Amino acid sequence: MEPFKNLIDEALVRRMAAHLARAAQAAMQRFDEKAFVAASTRGLAALEMKARAMQIATALERALPADFDTAAALIEAALAPAPDGEALDFARLGEAGLAGWALWPVGEFVVRRGLAQPERALAVLHALTQRFSAEFAIRPFIAAHPGLAFATLARWAGDPSVHVRRLVSEGSRPRLPWGMRLKTLVDDPSPTLPLLRALQDDPSGYVRRSVANHLNDIAKDHPALVAAWLEEHLPGAPAERRALLRHASRTLVKQGDARVLAAWGQGGRFRGEATLTLKPARLVLGGAVQLTLELRSTARSEQALAVDYVVHHVKANGGTSPKVFKGWQLTLAPRATLALEKRHAVRPITTRTYHAGRHRVVVQINGRPVAEAAFTLRV
């Protein structure tokens, strides 16, 4: 499989240069196409993906007009037509103009040169996000010019473009993966709440998924705020909003947050007996353990249950670190007996180092532990 970084290669740079040169010629501006290609591609093959984008952004700083407004107009003239619908072809840069991965370094250029002219820069990002995404590029503007940024985002929440509306939520997420962390919003997410309220019933599932992930970000620092959001917006919600709120509350459900579970009708204590069995009892790294959970209800009415399990991974110092894994969402009938099974892989991954020893597995129902067992891991 070809490395992902090769999406930004010399061929892409040359196509970028051709589109920018065409736009410059039409505007009677100077753009040194050869110098841009030379600066962008120098040692490019040895660089990782982000470093490639940053090198091209530096080449753009040298090649585009010094006046930011003039450079912004040239960029806009070089863009491909905005696509209809939600699909964006990130990988290709065709004959129609700039689009896809070519716009990552363009967005970085807008950040570097446009922070002093934020209104003009935000207009460029409005155009870029319809052809790639400006979710990373907009974050320095939120940090440096919050008043202007949030007023702009409030307008964009009603934009005809689904990509612009998604940017409103995605670009302002406090903890956007790979993006600059917005510390002020981690501490106080209240400026984004009117935006999320405006977008949570958006007709596009693409936008609603972003709102769900944004709320889940907030849940990591302000669980009571998201619990209150559920209590306000879940009763009587249409199916699309219920799906959004279910995804938004996934972290707090796994953590057994009492208010969140209660909002979903899963706040009650399990009435019955639970038995957990693990096979094999001894496991070599790279294998899998089979979980079998038997539930027997002693209740006279049905029970809504959120069933998760916690693996207490052994650490290098001999202690343990718990990790919650998603189990089952179910309704258990009165006096019913049910067997649930799940295969849990124990294989090397980049985000976890396994250590030999006894690993406890604890099942929790509606946030409360009800059964446990253990397996011994050999590394």
Protein backbone atom coordinates (compact mmCIF):
# COMPACT_ATOMS: atom_id res chain seq x y z
CA MET A 1 0.00 0.00 0.00
CA GLU A 2 1.37 3.40 -0.97
CA PRO A 3 2.25 5.65 2.00
CA PHE A 4 -0.44 8.18 2.87
CA LYS A 5 2.12 11.00 2.74
CA ASN A 6 2.47 10.51 -1.01
CA LEU A 7 -0.89 12.22 -1.49
CA ILE A 8 1.25 15.35 -1.24
CA ASP A 9 3.92 14.74 -3.88
CA GLU A 10 5.80 16.51 -6.65
CA ALA A 11 2.98 15.96 -9.15
CA LEU A 12 0.55 17.71 -6.80
CA VAL A 13 2.97 20.61 -6.39
CA ARG A 14 3.28 21.05 -10.14
CA ARG A 15 -0.48 21.08 -10.59
CA MET A 16 -0.78 23.63 -7.78
CA ALA A 17 1.80 25.81 -9.52
CA ALA A 18 -0.06 25.62 -12.82
CA HIS A 19 -3.38 26.66 -11.26
CA LEU A 20 -1.81 29.53 -9.30
CA ALA A 21 0.15 30.72 -12.35
CA ARG A 22 -3.03 30.71 -14.43
CA ALA A 23 -4.88 32.78 -11.83
CA ALA A 24 -1.95 35.19 -11.49
CA GLN A 25 -1.73 35.71 -15.23
CA ALA A 26 -5.46 36.48 -15.43
CA ALA A 27 -5.08 39.04 -12.62
CA MET A 28 -1.90 40.48 -14.16
CA GLN A 29 0.08 39.43 -11.09
CA ARG A 30 3.48 37.79 -10.91
CA PHE A 31 3.82 34.18 -9.72
CA ASP A 32 7.19 32.48 -10.19
CA GLU A 33 6.02 28.99 -11.01
CA LYS A 34 9.50 27.47 -11.34
CA ALA A 35 10.76 28.93 -8.07
CA PHE A 36 7.65 27.72 -6.25
CA VAL A 37 8.07 24.16 -7.55
CA ALA A 38 11.78 24.14 -6.71
CA ALA A 39 11.24 25.37 -3.14
CA SER A 40 8.27 23.05 -2.56
CA THR A 41 9.90 19.86 -3.84
CA ARG A 42 13.40 20.24 -2.38
CA GLY A 43 13.88 17.06 -0.33
CA LEU A 44 10.13 16.45 -0.38
CA ALA A 45 10.36 12.66 -0.68
CA ALA A 46 12.20 12.40 2.63
CA LEU A 47 9.56 14.35 4.57
CA GLU A 48 6.51 13.07 6.39
CA MET A 49 3.06 14.33 5.42
CA LYS A 50 2.72 17.33 7.73
CA ALA A 51 6.29 18.44 7.04
CA ARG A 52 5.52 18.33 3.31
CA ALA A 53 2.50 20.58 3.78
CA MET A 54 4.51 23.03 5.89
CA GLN A 55 7.32 23.19 3.32
CA ILE A 56 4.84 23.99 0.55
CA ALA A 57 3.24 26.66 2.76
CA THR A 58 6.66 28.28 3.16
CA ALA A 59 7.12 28.21 -0.61
CA LEU A 60 3.73 29.89 -1.00
CA GLU A 61 4.84 32.66 1.36
CA ARG A 62 7.75 33.38 -0.98
CA ALA A 63 5.85 33.04 -4.24
CA LEU A 64 2.50 34.74 -3.62
CA PRO A 65 2.10 38.54 -3.55
CA ALA A 66 3.24 40.22 -0.34
CA ASP A 67 -0.11 41.98 0.07
CA PHE A 68 -2.41 39.46 1.75
CA ASP A 69 -5.61 40.70 0.13
CA THR A 70 -4.02 40.33 -3.31
CA ALA A 71 -2.71 36.87 -2.46
CA ALA A 72 -6.11 35.84 -1.10
CA ALA A 73 -7.85 36.93 -4.29
CA LEU A 74 -5.35 34.95 -6.34
CA ILE A 75 -5.97 31.82 -4.24
CA GLU A 76 -9.72 32.18 -4.61
CA ALA A 77 -9.39 32.56 -8.38
CA ALA A 78 -7.31 29.36 -8.55
CA LEU A 79 -9.86 27.20 -6.71
CA ALA A 80 -11.84 24.46 -8.38
CA PRO A 81 -15.63 24.84 -8.38
CA ALA A 82 -17.20 23.81 -5.08
CA PRO A 83 -18.76 20.33 -5.33
CA ASP A 84 -22.42 19.63 -4.71
CA GLY A 85 -23.33 17.49 -1.71
CA GLU A 86 -21.18 16.11 1.07
CA ALA A 87 -18.55 14.19 -0.90
CA LEU A 88 -15.09 15.74 -1.22
CA ASP A 89 -12.40 14.08 -3.35
CA PHE A 90 -9.41 14.87 -1.15
CA ALA A 91 -6.96 12.75 -3.11
CA ARG A 92 -7.27 14.29 -6.55
CA LEU A 93 -6.22 17.63 -7.94
CA GLY A 94 -7.53 17.85 -11.46
CA GLU A 95 -7.64 20.43 -14.21
CA ALA A 96 -10.52 22.45 -12.72
CA GLY A 97 -8.45 24.17 -10.01
CA LEU A 98 -7.13 23.82 -6.47
CA ALA A 99 -8.91 21.27 -4.30
CA GLY A 100 -8.24 18.38 -1.92
CA TRP A 101 -4.88 17.90 -0.18
CA ALA A 102 -3.34 20.81 -2.09
CA LEU A 103 -5.36 23.10 0.19
CA TRP A 104 -3.71 21.96 3.43
CA PRO A 105 -0.60 24.11 2.76
CA VAL A 106 -2.84 26.86 1.39
CA GLY A 107 -4.74 26.91 4.69
CA GLU A 108 -1.45 27.10 6.57
CA PHE A 109 -0.44 30.05 4.38
CA VAL A 110 -3.70 31.80 5.30
CA VAL A 111 -2.91 31.29 8.99
CA ARG A 112 0.65 32.60 8.70
CA ARG A 113 -0.17 35.65 6.63
CA GLY A 114 -3.81 36.33 7.47
CA LEU A 115 -3.96 36.59 11.26
CA ALA A 116 -3.43 40.36 10.97
CA GLN A 117 -6.36 40.60 8.51
CA PRO A 118 -8.79 38.13 10.06
CA GLU A 119 -11.95 39.16 8.22
CA ARG A 120 -10.29 38.68 4.84
CA ALA A 121 -8.65 35.45 5.99
CA LEU A 122 -11.94 33.98 7.24
CA ALA A 123 -13.48 34.69 3.85
CA VAL A 124 -10.73 32.60 2.25
CA LEU A 125 -11.29 29.78 4.74
CA HIS A 126 -15.00 29.85 3.90
CA ALA A 127 -14.00 29.04 0.32
CA LEU A 128 -11.29 26.51 1.20
CA THR A 129 -13.47 24.41 3.48
CA GLN A 130 -15.88 23.72 0.61
CA ARG A 131 -13.07 22.03 -1.30
CA PHE A 132 -11.02 20.42 1.48
CA SER A 133 -11.45 21.42 5.13
CA ALA A 134 -10.44 24.46 7.13
CA GLU A 135 -10.99 22.83 10.53
CA PHE A 136 -7.29 23.13 11.46
CA ALA A 137 -6.68 26.53 9.83
CA ILE A 138 -9.58 28.27 11.57
CA ARG A 139 -8.44 27.41 15.09
CA PRO A 140 -5.69 30.06 15.38
CA PHE A 141 -8.30 32.66 14.40
CA ILE A 142 -10.65 31.45 17.14
CA ALA A 143 -7.79 31.76 19.62
CA ALA A 144 -6.55 35.16 18.41
CA HIS A 145 -9.86 36.82 17.43
CA PRO A 146 -12.62 35.06 19.39
CA GLY A 147 -15.21 37.83 19.06
CA LEU A 148 -14.94 38.04 15.29
CA ALA A 149 -14.56 34.28 14.92
CA PHE A 150 -17.69 33.38 16.87
CA ALA A 151 -19.77 36.07 15.19
CA THR A 152 -18.65 34.66 11.85
CA LEU A 153 -19.35 31.08 12.90
CA ALA A 154 -22.84 32.09 14.04
CA ARG A 155 -23.56 33.39 10.53
CA TRP A 156 -22.05 30.33 8.92
CA ALA A 157 -24.33 28.03 10.93
CA GLY A 158 -27.02 28.94 8.39
CA ASP A 159 -24.78 28.70 5.33
CA PRO A 160 -26.13 26.81 2.29
CA SER A 161 -22.92 24.74 2.11
CA VAL A 162 -22.90 21.61 4.26
CA HIS A 163 -19.10 21.89 4.47
CA VAL A 164 -19.28 25.39 5.91
CA ARG A 165 -21.90 24.34 8.47
CA ARG A 166 -19.75 21.38 9.49
CA LEU A 167 -16.76 23.70 9.89
CA VAL A 168 -18.75 25.70 12.46
CA SER A 169 -18.86 22.67 14.75
CA GLU A 170 -15.69 20.82 13.78
CA GLY A 171 -13.39 23.84 13.69
CA SER A 172 -14.45 24.97 17.18
CA ARG A 173 -14.16 21.57 18.89
CA PRO A 174 -12.12 22.04 22.09
CA ARG A 175 -10.10 18.85 21.59
CA LEU A 176 -10.08 18.28 17.84
CA PRO A 177 -7.76 15.30 17.13
CA TRP A 178 -4.49 16.43 15.47
CA GLY A 179 -5.64 20.04 15.76
CA MET A 180 -4.44 22.91 17.92
CA ARG A 181 -6.10 22.55 21.34
CA LEU A 182 -8.38 25.49 22.14
CA LYS A 183 -7.51 25.90 25.82
CA THR A 184 -10.07 28.61 26.48
CA LEU A 185 -12.84 26.37 25.15
CA VAL A 186 -11.54 23.39 27.11
CA ASP A 187 -11.92 25.56 30.21
CA ASP A 188 -15.22 27.16 29.18
CA PRO A 189 -17.10 25.73 26.19
CA SER A 190 -20.08 28.08 26.55
CA PRO A 191 -19.25 30.16 23.41
CA THR A 192 -19.84 27.11 21.21
CA LEU A 193 -23.14 26.01 22.76
CA PRO A 194 -25.36 28.35 20.68
CA LEU A 195 -23.64 26.98 17.56
CA LEU A 196 -24.31 23.38 18.56
CA ARG A 197 -27.91 24.20 19.40
CA ALA A 198 -28.36 25.66 15.94
CA LEU A 199 -26.78 22.62 14.24
CA GLN A 200 -27.93 19.59 16.21
CA ASP A 201 -31.02 19.20 13.98
CA ASP A 202 -29.16 19.99 10.76
CA PRO A 203 -30.54 18.04 7.77
CA SER A 204 -27.05 16.66 7.06
CA GLY A 205 -25.80 13.65 8.99
CA TYR A 206 -22.27 14.88 8.15
CA VAL A 207 -22.91 17.99 10.24
CA ARG A 208 -24.74 16.15 13.02
CA ARG A 209 -21.83 13.71 13.48
CA SER A 210 -19.55 16.68 14.04
CA VAL A 211 -21.93 18.11 16.64
CA ALA A 212 -21.97 14.74 18.42
CA ASN A 213 -18.17 14.61 18.50
CA HIS A 214 -18.03 18.21 19.70
CA LEU A 215 -20.38 17.43 22.60
CA ASN A 216 -18.31 14.34 23.41
CA ASP A 217 -15.22 16.58 23.57
CA ILE A 218 -17.02 18.80 26.08
CA ALA A 219 -18.07 15.75 28.10
CA LYS A 220 -14.44 14.95 28.87
CA ASP A 221 -14.05 18.21 30.82
CA HIS A 222 -17.62 19.23 31.70
CA PRO A 223 -19.75 16.09 32.16
CA ALA A 224 -22.48 17.95 34.05
CA LEU A 225 -22.94 20.31 31.11
CA VAL A 226 -23.51 17.45 28.67
CA ALA A 227 -25.79 15.69 31.16
CA ALA A 228 -27.87 18.89 31.36
CA TRP A 229 -27.86 19.08 27.54
CA LEU A 230 -29.31 15.57 27.36
CA GLU A 231 -31.95 16.36 29.96
CA GLU A 232 -33.01 19.38 27.91
CA HIS A 233 -32.77 18.04 24.36
CA LEU A 234 -33.47 14.30 24.60
CA PRO A 235 -37.13 14.23 25.72
CA GLY A 236 -39.32 14.09 22.63
CA ALA A 237 -36.31 14.26 20.29
CA PRO A 238 -36.69 12.99 16.72
CA ALA A 239 -34.76 9.87 15.72
CA GLU A 240 -31.90 11.82 14.11
CA ARG A 241 -31.30 13.89 17.24
CA ARG A 242 -31.53 10.83 19.48
CA ALA A 243 -28.80 9.17 17.40
CA LEU A 244 -26.67 12.32 17.69
CA LEU A 245 -27.14 12.50 21.46
CA ARG A 246 -26.39 8.80 21.86
CA HIS A 247 -23.07 9.29 20.08
CA ALA A 248 -22.39 12.48 22.05
CA SER A 249 -22.88 10.71 25.38
CA ARG A 250 -20.78 7.63 24.59
CA THR A 251 -17.87 8.59 26.88
CA LEU A 252 -20.13 9.37 29.83
CA VAL A 253 -22.18 6.19 29.32
CA LYS A 254 -18.96 4.15 29.39
CA GLN A 255 -17.91 5.98 32.55
CA GLY A 256 -21.25 5.18 34.18
CA ASP A 257 -22.31 8.81 34.66
CA ALA A 258 -25.51 8.57 36.71
CA ARG A 259 -27.28 11.59 35.19
CA VAL A 260 -26.51 10.54 31.63
CA LEU A 261 -27.61 6.95 32.20
CA ALA A 262 -30.79 8.22 33.84
CA ALA A 263 -31.48 10.45 30.82
CA TRP A 264 -31.36 7.32 28.65
CA GLY A 265 -33.56 5.39 31.05
CA GLN A 266 -30.64 3.28 32.22
CA GLY A 267 -30.00 4.77 35.62
CA GLY A 268 -31.46 1.98 37.73
CA ARG A 269 -29.49 -0.67 39.59
CA PHE A 270 -29.53 -4.09 37.91
CA ARG A 271 -32.00 -6.36 39.63
CA GLY A 272 -30.75 -9.86 39.15
CA GLU A 273 -27.61 -11.98 39.00
CA ALA A 274 -24.65 -11.75 36.62
CA THR A 275 -21.89 -14.29 35.99
CA LEU A 276 -18.83 -13.62 33.81
CA THR A 277 -16.71 -16.39 32.30
CA LEU A 278 -13.44 -15.87 30.38
CA LYS A 279 -11.82 -18.41 28.04
CA PRO A 280 -8.99 -19.16 27.87
CA ALA A 281 -7.84 -18.37 31.38
CA ARG A 282 -4.24 -18.08 30.12
CA LEU A 283 -3.54 -16.10 26.99
CA VAL A 284 -0.52 -15.26 24.85
CA LEU A 285 -0.25 -11.71 23.47
CA GLY A 286 -1.77 -11.65 20.00
CA GLY A 287 -4.67 -13.89 20.90
CA ALA A 288 -8.20 -13.18 22.08
CA VAL A 289 -10.30 -13.89 25.13
CA GLN A 290 -13.95 -14.92 24.86
CA LEU A 291 -16.28 -13.15 27.30
CA THR A 292 -19.52 -14.91 28.21
CA LEU A 293 -21.90 -12.97 30.43
CA GLU A 294 -24.99 -14.65 31.83
CA LEU A 295 -27.74 -12.38 33.15
CA ARG A 296 -30.73 -13.55 35.17
CA SER A 297 -33.40 -11.01 35.98
CA THR A 298 -35.19 -11.14 39.32
CA ALA A 299 -37.34 -8.11 38.46
CA ARG A 300 -41.06 -8.11 37.75
CA SER A 301 -40.66 -5.50 35.03
CA GLU A 302 -38.32 -5.09 32.08
CA GLN A 303 -34.96 -3.38 32.61
CA ALA A 304 -33.08 -1.07 30.24
CA LEU A 305 -29.41 -1.97 30.59
CA ALA A 306 -26.13 -0.44 29.41
CA VAL A 307 -23.60 -3.22 29.76
CA ASP A 308 -19.88 -2.43 29.43
CA TYR A 309 -16.73 -4.13 30.64
CA VAL A 310 -13.53 -2.76 32.14
CA VAL A 311 -10.16 -4.40 31.49
CA HIS A 312 -7.61 -3.60 34.19
CA HIS A 313 -4.39 -3.70 32.15
CA VAL A 314 -1.21 -4.55 34.01
CA LYS A 315 1.38 -1.74 33.95
CA ALA A 316 5.17 -1.98 33.95
CA ASN A 317 5.32 -1.22 37.70
CA GLY A 318 2.89 -4.03 38.52
CA GLY A 319 -0.11 -1.79 39.07
CA THR A 320 -3.13 -1.71 36.79
CA SER A 321 -4.83 0.83 34.53
CA PRO A 322 -8.56 0.46 33.73
CA LYS A 323 -9.93 0.81 30.20
CA VAL A 324 -13.68 0.73 29.52
CA PHE A 325 -14.88 -1.15 26.43
CA LYS A 326 -18.32 -0.96 24.88
CA GLY A 327 -20.52 -3.95 25.50
CA TRP A 328 -24.26 -4.11 24.86
CA GLN A 329 -27.38 -1.92 25.00
CA LEU A 330 -30.43 -4.06 25.72
CA THR A 331 -33.78 -4.41 27.40
CA LEU A 332 -34.04 -7.47 29.65
CA ALA A 333 -37.50 -8.95 30.04
CA PRO A 334 -38.96 -9.72 33.51
CA ARG A 335 -37.50 -12.88 35.08
CA ALA A 336 -35.60 -13.55 31.84
CA THR A 337 -32.23 -15.24 31.45
CA LEU A 338 -29.84 -14.09 28.75
CA ALA A 339 -26.32 -15.08 27.62
CA LEU A 340 -24.13 -12.44 25.94
CA GLU A 341 -20.83 -13.18 24.21
CA LYS A 342 -18.00 -10.99 22.94
CA ARG A 343 -14.53 -11.69 21.62
CA HIS A 344 -11.89 -9.32 23.03
CA ALA A 345 -8.62 -9.19 21.08
CA VAL A 346 -5.37 -8.73 23.02
CA ARG A 347 -2.89 -7.75 20.35
CA PRO A 348 -0.12 -5.10 20.12
CA ILE A 349 -1.37 -1.62 19.22
CA THR A 350 0.40 1.73 19.02
CA THR A 351 -1.57 3.29 21.89
CA ARG A 352 -0.99 0.56 24.48
CA THR A 353 1.94 -1.51 25.73
CA TYR A 354 0.90 -4.83 27.22
CA HIS A 355 2.66 -6.38 30.21
CA ALA A 356 2.45 -9.92 31.50
CA GLY A 357 0.31 -10.68 34.51
CA ARG A 358 -3.22 -11.09 35.80
CA HIS A 359 -5.75 -8.87 34.02
CA ARG A 360 -9.07 -8.37 35.81
CA VAL A 361 -12.21 -7.88 33.70
CA VAL A 362 -15.12 -6.21 35.46
CA VAL A 363 -18.60 -6.01 33.93
CA GLN A 364 -20.61 -2.93 34.80
CA ILE A 365 -24.32 -2.49 34.22
CA ASN A 366 -25.73 1.03 34.24
CA GLY A 367 -22.40 2.20 35.58
CA ARG A 368 -22.22 -0.24 38.51
CA PRO A 369 -19.93 -3.32 38.75
CA VAL A 370 -21.89 -6.60 38.81
CA ALA A 371 -19.42 -9.37 37.94
CA GLU A 372 -15.74 -10.00 37.35
CA ALA A 373 -13.24 -12.62 36.23
CA ALA A 374 -9.57 -12.59 35.19
CA PHE A 375 -7.15 -13.96 32.62
CA THR A 376 -3.37 -14.27 32.80
CA LEU A 377 -1.42 -12.76 29.92
CA ARG A 378 1.98 -13.97 28.73
CA VAL A 379 4.03 -11.57 26.57
